[in-house]
Amino acid sequence: MKFTEILKRKTNDNFGNRAPVIAFIGSSITQGCFEIYEDGEMIKAVFDSCSAYPDKVKRILSILYPQAPVSIVNMGINGGAAPGGLERFQEDVVSCNPDLLVIDYALNDSHQEEPGIPAYKNTLKQIFREAKKANIETIFMTPNMMNTYTSHIIKGEICETLAEKFAIRQTNGVFDAYIDAAREACKEEGVKLCDCYAIWKRMYESGVDTTSLLSNGLNHPIREMHYLFAWELVKTILND
């Protein structure tokens, strides 16, 4: 990837090159949301951005390239979806002039169920084209699985209702169809894919209780699983 050349140049000439910049856009997973709780009729989240995968990517790269400190710009938004990412692209992404962009949308987009898949795919392709127009190297990362059953950690009527809806969407093929649409969009637009969802599916099919790996019992991975995203992203960066 072009980004590895930037890391190498910074390593070889620290004074003559600016710090490499990675921008991250996505939803609550990107921002760093973990546990949730009901507060009246509202659902609130526990935020811990230092445990989210963007920060872990920075830590891993600092080990591999200690003389090329990477700056990260985390623009993940709790509840964010692809249309919002497209709408804010100029202000959020282009304005910070990143050397690499990581995109992670699907979980909230899937709330539109099966009828929303064509629009989701089209929006992703528009984001990819905007990035290409701005000459920003891009990786699309597929997310984790949602819950497949209602976990014992789910508390409250609102969360129980969400757990039921999410489990149906995860097990009836609808969420898989969203991920397939994202993969197709990447292939059609020539965007590099970091397919973490495929790893989650392999774990599930191998007998792993993937729902137990969700800090909120719904769709937020536990802190430890953010290392999976980080390592796969770094592998994607290094795999030219």
Protein backbone atom coordinates (compact mmCIF):
# COMPACT_ATOMS: atom_id res chain seq x y z
CA MET A 1 0.00 0.00 0.00
CA LYS A 2 1.03 3.59 -0.53
CA PHE A 3 0.73 4.12 3.22
CA THR A 4 3.68 1.81 3.92
CA GLU A 5 5.84 4.00 1.68
CA ILE A 6 4.81 7.01 3.76
CA LEU A 7 5.79 5.14 6.93
CA LYS A 8 9.15 4.23 5.40
CA ARG A 9 9.86 7.82 4.30
CA LYS A 10 9.04 9.14 7.77
CA THR A 11 11.26 6.49 9.33
CA ASN A 12 14.18 7.37 7.07
CA ASP A 13 13.74 11.14 7.32
CA ASN A 14 11.88 12.19 10.44
CA PHE A 15 12.49 15.92 10.02
CA GLY A 16 11.71 16.03 6.32
CA ASN A 17 8.27 14.39 6.44
CA ARG A 18 5.07 15.08 8.34
CA ALA A 19 3.55 12.51 10.69
CA PRO A 20 1.42 9.95 8.79
CA VAL A 21 -2.31 10.45 9.38
CA ILE A 22 -5.04 7.79 9.47
CA ALA A 23 -8.68 8.88 9.54
CA PHE A 24 -11.38 6.53 10.80
CA ILE A 25 -15.07 6.96 10.01
CA GLY A 26 -17.79 4.63 11.22
CA SER A 27 -20.30 4.08 13.97
CA SER A 28 -20.20 3.31 17.69
CA ILE A 29 -17.60 0.56 17.33
CA THR A 30 -15.16 3.01 15.75
CA GLN A 31 -15.88 5.73 18.30
CA GLY A 32 -15.35 3.35 21.20
CA CYS A 33 -18.76 2.49 22.70
CA PHE A 34 -19.01 -0.55 24.92
CA GLU A 35 -21.57 -1.31 27.63
CA ILE A 36 -25.04 0.24 27.44
CA TYR A 37 -27.81 0.90 29.95
CA GLU A 38 -31.34 2.20 29.94
CA ASP A 39 -32.00 5.62 31.41
CA GLY A 40 -35.74 6.14 31.30
CA GLU A 41 -36.72 5.85 27.65
CA MET A 42 -33.14 6.43 26.49
CA ILE A 43 -30.27 4.04 25.91
CA LYS A 44 -26.89 5.40 26.99
CA ALA A 45 -23.45 3.98 26.27
CA VAL A 46 -20.15 3.73 28.09
CA PHE A 47 -17.49 5.49 25.97
CA ASP A 48 -13.87 4.35 26.09
CA SER A 49 -12.06 5.51 22.95
CA CYS A 50 -8.67 4.42 24.30
CA SER A 51 -9.88 0.80 24.09
CA ALA A 52 -11.24 1.12 20.55
CA TYR A 53 -9.44 -0.31 17.54
CA PRO A 54 -8.21 3.02 16.07
CA ASP A 55 -6.11 3.60 19.18
CA LYS A 56 -4.86 0.00 19.06
CA VAL A 57 -3.82 0.42 15.41
CA LYS A 58 -1.75 3.41 16.49
CA ARG A 59 -0.09 1.36 19.26
CA ILE A 60 0.76 -1.53 16.95
CA LEU A 61 2.22 0.75 14.29
CA SER A 62 4.27 2.54 16.96
CA ILE A 63 5.91 -0.81 17.72
CA LEU A 64 6.54 -1.63 14.07
CA TYR A 65 7.56 1.90 13.04
CA PRO A 66 8.85 3.60 16.22
CA GLN A 67 10.45 6.43 14.22
CA ALA A 68 7.24 7.17 12.29
CA PRO A 69 4.64 8.23 14.87
CA VAL A 70 1.17 7.96 13.36
CA SER A 71 -1.57 10.49 14.06
CA ILE A 72 -5.09 9.11 14.15
CA VAL A 73 -8.30 11.06 13.68
CA ASN A 74 -11.25 9.08 15.04
CA MET A 75 -14.50 10.38 13.57
CA GLY A 76 -16.67 7.43 14.48
CA ILE A 77 -20.12 8.47 15.71
CA ASN A 78 -22.41 6.45 17.95
CA GLY A 79 -25.43 5.65 15.79
CA GLY A 80 -23.61 6.66 12.61
CA ALA A 81 -24.39 5.11 9.22
CA ALA A 82 -23.09 5.42 5.67
CA PRO A 83 -25.38 8.32 4.58
CA GLY A 84 -24.03 10.47 7.41
CA GLY A 85 -20.48 9.54 6.47
CA LEU A 86 -21.10 10.69 2.91
CA GLU A 87 -22.78 13.90 4.03
CA ARG A 88 -19.88 14.83 6.31
CA PHE A 89 -17.10 13.56 4.06
CA GLN A 90 -15.65 16.92 3.07
CA GLU A 91 -15.80 18.37 6.58
CA ASP A 92 -14.73 15.27 8.49
CA VAL A 93 -12.29 13.54 6.15
CA VAL A 94 -10.97 15.81 3.42
CA SER A 95 -10.37 18.67 5.85
CA CYS A 96 -7.84 16.64 7.86
CA ASN A 97 -5.93 15.53 4.74
CA PRO A 98 -5.34 11.91 5.83
CA ASP A 99 -2.86 9.57 4.17
CA LEU A 100 -5.17 6.63 4.82
CA LEU A 101 -8.91 6.33 5.45
CA VAL A 102 -10.55 3.39 7.25
CA ILE A 103 -14.32 3.04 6.78
CA ASP A 104 -16.59 0.85 8.92
CA TYR A 105 -20.32 1.11 8.19
CA ALA A 106 -22.97 -1.62 8.18
CA LEU A 107 -24.37 -2.24 11.66
CA ASN A 108 -26.68 0.77 11.81
CA ASP A 109 -27.35 0.75 8.06
CA SER A 110 -28.87 -2.71 8.49
CA HIS A 111 -31.71 -1.21 10.55
CA GLN A 112 -33.34 -0.58 7.16
CA GLU A 113 -33.60 -4.35 6.74
CA GLU A 114 -33.50 -5.98 3.29
CA PRO A 115 -35.07 -3.07 1.33
CA GLY A 116 -32.17 -0.80 2.39
CA ILE A 117 -29.38 -2.93 0.89
CA PRO A 118 -29.22 -1.28 -2.59
CA ALA A 119 -29.09 2.22 -1.07
CA TYR A 120 -26.41 1.11 1.39
CA LYS A 121 -24.23 -0.28 -1.37
CA ASN A 122 -24.71 2.81 -3.51
CA THR A 123 -23.82 5.13 -0.61
CA LEU A 124 -20.63 3.19 0.09
CA LYS A 125 -19.64 3.48 -3.55
CA GLN A 126 -20.20 7.24 -3.41
CA ILE A 127 -17.97 7.48 -0.32
CA PHE A 128 -15.28 5.44 -2.08
CA ARG A 129 -15.46 7.73 -5.11
CA GLU A 130 -15.18 10.84 -2.95
CA ALA A 131 -12.08 9.37 -1.34
CA LYS A 132 -10.59 8.54 -4.73
CA LYS A 133 -11.35 12.05 -5.97
CA ALA A 134 -9.48 13.44 -2.96
CA ASN A 135 -6.60 11.00 -3.60
CA ILE A 136 -7.05 9.31 -0.21
CA GLU A 137 -6.02 5.67 0.06
CA THR A 138 -8.93 3.72 1.54
CA ILE A 139 -9.62 0.49 3.41
CA PHE A 140 -13.14 -0.74 4.11
CA MET A 141 -13.39 -2.90 7.23
CA THR A 142 -16.36 -5.18 7.75
CA PRO A 143 -17.69 -5.18 11.34
CA ASN A 144 -18.38 -7.87 13.92
CA MET A 145 -21.46 -10.06 14.13
CA MET A 146 -24.47 -8.96 16.14
CA ASN A 147 -26.02 -11.13 18.84
CA THR A 148 -27.57 -14.46 17.83
CA TYR A 149 -29.69 -14.81 20.99
CA THR A 150 -30.81 -12.72 23.97
CA SER A 151 -27.93 -12.74 26.43
CA HIS A 152 -28.35 -12.84 30.20
CA ILE A 153 -26.60 -9.44 30.38
CA ILE A 154 -29.48 -7.77 28.52
CA LYS A 155 -31.49 -5.71 31.01
CA GLY A 156 -34.55 -3.57 30.33
CA GLU A 157 -37.48 -3.68 27.96
CA ILE A 158 -35.87 -1.56 25.23
CA CYS A 159 -32.69 -3.63 25.16
CA GLU A 160 -34.65 -6.89 25.17
CA THR A 161 -36.63 -5.72 22.15
CA LEU A 162 -33.43 -4.74 20.34
CA ALA A 163 -31.82 -8.07 21.18
CA GLU A 164 -34.73 -9.94 19.61
CA LYS A 165 -34.63 -7.81 16.45
CA PHE A 166 -30.86 -8.00 16.08
CA ALA A 167 -30.80 -11.78 16.58
CA ILE A 168 -33.35 -12.24 13.81
CA ARG A 169 -31.40 -9.98 11.45
CA GLN A 170 -28.15 -11.78 12.24
CA THR A 171 -29.53 -15.29 11.78
CA ASN A 172 -31.94 -14.86 8.87
CA GLY A 173 -29.30 -13.75 6.36
CA VAL A 174 -30.20 -10.06 6.16
CA PHE A 175 -27.05 -8.81 7.87
CA ASP A 176 -24.96 -11.22 5.79
CA ALA A 177 -26.52 -9.63 2.70
CA TYR A 178 -25.40 -6.17 3.87
CA ILE A 179 -21.84 -7.43 4.28
CA ASP A 180 -21.95 -9.06 0.85
CA ALA A 181 -23.13 -5.75 -0.62
CA ALA A 182 -20.16 -4.00 1.00
CA ARG A 183 -17.77 -6.60 -0.40
CA GLU A 184 -19.25 -6.10 -3.87
CA ALA A 185 -18.92 -2.31 -3.56
CA CYS A 186 -15.23 -2.70 -2.64
CA LYS A 187 -14.60 -4.97 -5.62
CA GLU A 188 -16.42 -2.73 -8.05
CA GLU A 189 -14.63 0.42 -6.87
CA GLY A 190 -11.19 -1.14 -6.34
CA VAL A 191 -11.15 -0.50 -2.58
CA LYS A 192 -9.03 -2.72 -0.33
CA LEU A 193 -11.13 -4.90 1.97
CA CYS A 194 -10.31 -5.89 5.54
CA ASP A 195 -12.88 -8.62 6.11
CA CYS A 196 -13.16 -8.98 9.88
CA TYR A 197 -16.78 -10.14 9.60
CA ALA A 198 -15.56 -13.28 7.84
CA ILE A 199 -13.40 -14.05 10.88
CA TRP A 200 -16.33 -13.58 13.26
CA LYS A 201 -18.44 -15.89 11.08
CA ARG A 202 -15.71 -18.55 11.07
CA MET A 203 -15.51 -18.35 14.86
CA TYR A 204 -19.29 -18.71 15.12
CA GLU A 205 -19.36 -21.66 12.74
CA SER A 206 -16.53 -23.25 14.75
CA GLY A 207 -18.61 -23.20 17.92
CA VAL A 208 -17.48 -19.90 19.46
CA ASP A 209 -20.22 -18.11 21.40
CA THR A 210 -19.78 -14.81 19.57
CA THR A 211 -22.63 -13.20 21.49
CA SER A 212 -20.57 -13.56 24.67
CA LEU A 213 -17.91 -11.42 22.94
CA LEU A 214 -20.27 -8.42 22.84
CA SER A 215 -19.92 -5.99 25.74
CA ASN A 216 -23.51 -4.79 25.42
CA GLY A 217 -24.94 -8.17 24.37
CA LEU A 218 -26.07 -6.60 21.09
CA ASN A 219 -23.40 -5.26 18.74
CA HIS A 220 -20.48 -3.70 20.66
CA PRO A 221 -17.47 -6.04 20.92
CA ILE A 222 -15.69 -6.39 24.22
CA ARG A 223 -12.49 -4.40 24.52
CA GLU A 224 -10.25 -7.41 23.90
CA MET A 225 -11.90 -8.11 20.52
CA HIS A 226 -10.89 -4.69 19.25
CA TYR A 227 -7.41 -6.18 18.95
CA LEU A 228 -8.78 -8.42 16.20
CA PHE A 229 -9.83 -5.36 14.19
CA ALA A 230 -6.53 -3.62 14.85
CA TRP A 231 -4.32 -6.54 13.89
CA GLU A 232 -6.33 -7.28 10.74
CA LEU A 233 -6.11 -3.62 9.72
CA VAL A 234 -2.35 -3.57 10.25
CA LYS A 235 -2.04 -6.81 8.25
CA THR A 236 -4.06 -5.21 5.47
CA ILE A 237 -1.80 -2.16 5.51
CA LEU A 238 1.34 -4.31 5.32
CA ASN A 239 -0.05 -6.73 2.72
CA ASP A 240 0.73 -4.93 -0.50
